[in-house]
Amino acid sequence: MSKELHFLFVDDHPTIIEGYKSMLYERYSTEQVHVHAAFSSEMAYEKLFTSNRVFDIVILDIGLPPFHEKRIQSGEDLAFLIQKQFPTTKILISTSHLEAFILYNIVKKVNPDGMMIKSDFKSSEFILAIEKVLAGHQYYSQTVRNAVREVADQQDALDAIDRRIVSLLSKGIKTKSIPSHIGISLSAVDKRKAQIKDFFNIVKGTDEDIIREATKRGLV
């Protein structure tokens, strides 16, 4: 690392930030890297827009409390803002979430430069992630990669007609009206709905249950 770099750590748990700083300073000196901390969305916003500095990398907790005044509801919204206003700033997301669908949706919606699970953090991987991201590469931890692959494989199990049925249901279209939208018989629609419920592990569920599960999995 030849030039001085400015890091912004954003997490509402100060001990987490102290851990990040400790790992960073195991590898780099205080002359090489300058660490700035924010413990809320509001603090992060102020650091980003009042410091007259463009940060090289932001390590961002996705589960931040909202900052309603600036319409920032979560770390995702803060990430979108950084991407729009500071396109050269790298974003490395950290999260405690382990559910595959949540991780998949974060990757698909935010498309961060890097993403890691807090419980997976080790000093060596943390530094590797930073170096990869600063070099212009994406870095997703093994847990994140496994989650994205798992959900993608499951989504592939539903074909285009199944997805269309789910989409129509989410728009309030009744089952009896679906044949006129996709050109298959009502009995075929019923069979496909039964298969969709099996795929979602829904037992004796309603259309609302299908919509709820599809939304959870990022399918609508």
Protein backbone atom coordinates (compact mmCIF):
# COMPACT_ATOMS: atom_id res chain seq x y z
CA MET A 1 0.00 0.00 0.00
CA SER A 2 1.80 3.10 -1.22
CA LYS A 3 -0.64 5.97 -0.64
CA GLU A 4 -2.40 6.97 2.54
CA LEU A 5 -5.96 5.64 2.76
CA HIS A 6 -8.97 6.79 4.71
CA PHE A 7 -11.35 4.18 6.11
CA LEU A 8 -14.84 4.82 7.45
CA PHE A 9 -16.17 2.11 9.78
CA VAL A 10 -19.95 2.29 10.26
CA ASP A 11 -21.48 0.07 12.94
CA ASP A 12 -23.78 0.74 15.88
CA HIS A 13 -21.64 -1.51 18.10
CA PRO A 14 -18.43 0.32 19.12
CA THR A 15 -16.73 -2.94 20.11
CA ILE A 16 -17.10 -4.20 16.53
CA ILE A 17 -15.37 -1.11 15.20
CA GLU A 18 -12.58 -1.53 17.74
CA GLY A 19 -12.14 -5.07 16.45
CA TYR A 20 -11.89 -3.82 12.88
CA LYS A 21 -9.32 -1.23 13.88
CA SER A 22 -7.28 -3.83 15.73
CA MET A 23 -7.18 -6.14 12.72
CA LEU A 24 -6.32 -3.27 10.40
CA TYR A 25 -3.45 -2.05 12.57
CA GLU A 26 -2.01 -5.57 12.75
CA ARG A 27 -1.24 -5.13 9.06
CA TYR A 28 -0.81 -1.38 8.49
CA SER A 29 0.64 1.52 10.41
CA THR A 30 -1.24 4.63 11.48
CA GLU A 31 0.80 6.53 8.91
CA GLN A 32 -0.57 4.32 6.13
CA VAL A 33 -4.23 4.23 7.08
CA HIS A 34 -6.51 6.72 8.80
CA VAL A 35 -9.56 5.30 10.52
CA HIS A 36 -12.82 7.21 11.02
CA ALA A 37 -15.78 5.78 12.91
CA ALA A 38 -19.54 6.29 12.86
CA PHE A 39 -21.97 4.56 15.20
CA SER A 40 -25.21 5.43 13.40
CA SER A 41 -26.59 6.34 10.00
CA GLU A 42 -26.72 9.98 11.07
CA MET A 43 -23.07 10.01 12.15
CA ALA A 44 -22.07 8.27 8.91
CA TYR A 45 -23.99 10.83 6.87
CA GLU A 46 -22.22 13.68 8.67
CA LYS A 47 -18.81 12.06 8.17
CA LEU A 48 -19.50 11.55 4.48
CA PHE A 49 -20.86 15.01 3.72
CA THR A 50 -19.16 17.40 6.15
CA SER A 51 -15.58 16.15 6.32
CA ASN A 52 -14.54 17.45 2.88
CA ARG A 53 -13.04 14.01 2.29
CA VAL A 54 -13.83 11.17 -0.08
CA PHE A 55 -13.22 7.94 1.78
CA ASP A 56 -11.35 5.18 0.01
CA ILE A 57 -13.41 2.42 1.60
CA VAL A 58 -16.46 2.21 3.87
CA ILE A 59 -16.95 -0.89 6.00
CA LEU A 60 -20.69 -0.81 6.54
CA ASP A 61 -23.06 -2.70 8.82
CA ILE A 62 -26.22 -3.34 6.81
CA GLY A 63 -28.44 -3.42 9.91
CA LEU A 64 -28.16 0.21 11.00
CA PRO A 65 -31.01 2.10 12.71
CA PRO A 66 -32.74 4.61 10.41
CA PHE A 67 -31.97 8.29 9.93
CA HIS A 68 -35.43 9.50 8.96
CA GLU A 69 -34.46 13.10 8.24
CA LYS A 70 -32.44 11.96 5.21
CA ARG A 71 -34.72 9.02 4.37
CA ILE A 72 -32.07 6.47 5.26
CA GLN A 73 -33.95 3.46 6.60
CA SER A 74 -31.05 1.01 6.83
CA GLY A 75 -27.47 0.34 5.86
CA GLU A 76 -28.74 -0.56 2.39
CA ASP A 77 -30.02 2.98 1.84
CA LEU A 78 -26.71 4.38 3.06
CA ALA A 79 -24.88 2.10 0.61
CA PHE A 80 -27.07 3.35 -2.26
CA LEU A 81 -26.30 6.93 -1.26
CA ILE A 82 -22.56 6.28 -1.19
CA GLN A 83 -22.70 4.58 -4.60
CA LYS A 84 -24.55 7.57 -6.06
CA GLN A 85 -22.59 10.40 -4.47
CA PHE A 86 -19.14 8.85 -4.12
CA PRO A 87 -18.70 6.37 -6.98
CA THR A 88 -14.97 5.90 -6.31
CA THR A 89 -15.55 4.86 -2.69
CA LYS A 90 -15.44 1.09 -2.16
CA ILE A 91 -18.14 -0.49 -0.01
CA LEU A 92 -17.45 -3.58 2.09
CA ILE A 93 -20.63 -4.73 3.81
CA SER A 94 -20.53 -6.60 7.10
CA THR A 95 -23.63 -8.28 8.50
CA SER A 96 -24.74 -10.65 11.22
CA HIS A 97 -27.42 -12.16 8.98
CA LEU A 98 -26.94 -15.80 8.11
CA GLU A 99 -30.18 -16.52 6.26
CA ALA A 100 -29.37 -17.33 2.64
CA PHE A 101 -32.26 -15.32 1.15
CA ILE A 102 -31.34 -12.19 3.07
CA LEU A 103 -27.71 -12.42 1.96
CA TYR A 104 -28.76 -13.12 -1.64
CA ASN A 105 -31.07 -10.10 -1.70
CA ILE A 106 -28.38 -7.80 -0.29
CA VAL A 107 -25.96 -8.92 -2.99
CA LYS A 108 -28.54 -8.51 -5.76
CA LYS A 109 -29.90 -5.16 -4.57
CA VAL A 110 -26.73 -3.43 -3.40
CA ASN A 111 -24.03 -5.21 -5.42
CA PRO A 112 -21.32 -4.11 -2.96
CA ASP A 113 -17.62 -4.32 -3.66
CA GLY A 114 -17.32 -6.81 -0.83
CA MET A 115 -19.43 -8.60 1.76
CA MET A 116 -18.58 -10.63 4.83
CA ILE A 117 -20.39 -12.25 7.76
CA LYS A 118 -19.36 -10.92 11.16
CA SER A 119 -19.18 -14.38 12.69
CA ASP A 120 -16.73 -15.43 9.94
CA PHE A 121 -14.31 -12.57 10.49
CA LYS A 122 -10.70 -13.52 10.88
CA SER A 123 -7.87 -11.03 10.68
CA SER A 124 -6.32 -12.65 7.60
CA GLU A 125 -9.58 -12.74 5.65
CA PHE A 126 -10.51 -9.21 6.70
CA ILE A 127 -7.22 -7.88 5.34
CA LEU A 128 -7.57 -10.00 2.19
CA ALA A 129 -11.05 -8.59 1.60
CA ILE A 130 -9.80 -5.02 1.98
CA GLU A 131 -6.86 -5.57 -0.36
CA LYS A 132 -9.04 -7.25 -2.99
CA VAL A 133 -11.65 -4.51 -2.86
CA LEU A 134 -9.10 -1.70 -3.00
CA ALA A 135 -7.50 -3.41 -6.01
CA GLY A 136 -10.80 -3.21 -7.87
CA HIS A 137 -12.04 -6.76 -7.32
CA GLN A 138 -15.15 -8.00 -5.57
CA TYR A 139 -14.68 -10.08 -2.46
CA TYR A 140 -17.48 -12.16 -0.96
CA SER A 141 -16.75 -14.50 1.94
CA GLN A 142 -17.37 -18.21 1.51
CA THR A 143 -20.60 -18.02 3.52
CA VAL A 144 -21.93 -15.28 1.26
CA ARG A 145 -20.91 -17.14 -1.90
CA ASN A 146 -22.60 -20.31 -0.66
CA ALA A 147 -25.78 -18.40 0.14
CA VAL A 148 -25.94 -16.77 -3.30
CA ARG A 149 -25.34 -20.12 -5.00
CA GLU A 150 -27.95 -21.87 -2.85
CA VAL A 151 -30.70 -19.36 -3.58
CA ALA A 152 -29.82 -19.13 -7.28
CA ASP A 153 -30.05 -22.91 -7.58
CA GLN A 154 -33.45 -22.91 -5.86
CA GLN A 155 -34.78 -20.12 -8.04
CA ASP A 156 -33.77 -22.08 -11.13
CA ALA A 157 -36.20 -24.80 -9.99
CA LEU A 158 -39.12 -22.53 -10.92
CA ASP A 159 -39.59 -22.06 -14.64
CA ALA A 160 -40.87 -18.94 -16.40
CA ILE A 161 -44.53 -19.96 -16.14
CA ASP A 162 -44.23 -20.65 -12.41
CA ARG A 163 -42.64 -17.26 -11.90
CA ARG A 164 -45.37 -15.61 -13.94
CA ILE A 165 -48.05 -17.26 -11.80
CA VAL A 166 -46.35 -16.03 -8.63
CA SER A 167 -46.04 -12.54 -10.12
CA LEU A 168 -49.72 -12.43 -11.08
CA LEU A 169 -50.78 -13.61 -7.62
CA SER A 170 -48.65 -10.87 -6.06
CA LYS A 171 -50.53 -8.31 -8.17
CA GLY A 172 -53.89 -9.49 -6.83
CA ILE A 173 -54.92 -11.58 -9.85
CA LYS A 174 -57.23 -14.41 -8.78
CA THR A 175 -56.40 -17.99 -9.73
CA LYS A 176 -59.49 -18.30 -11.95
CA SER A 177 -58.29 -15.31 -14.02
CA ILE A 178 -54.68 -16.47 -14.49
CA PRO A 179 -55.38 -18.66 -17.59
CA SER A 180 -56.35 -15.56 -19.58
CA HIS A 181 -52.95 -14.02 -18.77
CA ILE A 182 -50.65 -16.94 -19.58
CA GLY A 183 -52.62 -19.16 -21.93
CA ILE A 184 -52.83 -22.41 -19.95
CA SER A 185 -55.89 -24.14 -18.49
CA LEU A 186 -57.18 -23.57 -14.98
CA SER A 187 -56.35 -27.16 -14.05
CA ALA A 188 -52.77 -26.62 -15.25
CA VAL A 189 -52.58 -23.48 -13.11
CA ASP A 190 -53.82 -25.42 -10.07
CA LYS A 191 -51.23 -28.15 -10.65
CA ARG A 192 -48.46 -25.58 -10.94
CA LYS A 193 -49.63 -23.80 -7.80
CA ALA A 194 -49.45 -27.12 -5.95
CA GLN A 195 -45.89 -27.60 -7.22
CA ILE A 196 -44.98 -24.04 -6.20
CA LYS A 197 -46.31 -24.72 -2.68
CA ASP A 198 -44.25 -27.90 -2.52
CA PHE A 199 -41.18 -25.93 -3.60
CA PHE A 200 -41.83 -23.35 -0.88
CA ASN A 201 -42.61 -26.07 1.69
CA ILE A 202 -46.10 -24.65 2.17
CA VAL A 203 -48.60 -27.14 3.58
CA LYS A 204 -52.26 -26.33 2.93
CA GLY A 205 -51.37 -22.68 2.44
CA THR A 206 -53.17 -19.86 0.68
CA ASP A 207 -52.16 -17.53 -2.14
CA GLU A 208 -51.04 -15.08 0.55
CA ASP A 209 -48.61 -17.71 1.85
CA ILE A 210 -47.17 -18.14 -1.64
CA ILE A 211 -46.76 -14.38 -2.03
CA ARG A 212 -45.18 -14.04 1.43
CA GLU A 213 -42.64 -16.79 0.76
CA ALA A 214 -41.87 -15.53 -2.75
CA THR A 215 -41.29 -12.03 -1.39
CA LYS A 216 -39.04 -13.38 1.34
CA ARG A 217 -36.96 -15.15 -1.29
CA GLY A 218 -36.74 -12.12 -3.54
CA LEU A 219 -38.87 -13.60 -6.32
CA VAL A 220 -41.37 -10.72 -6.43
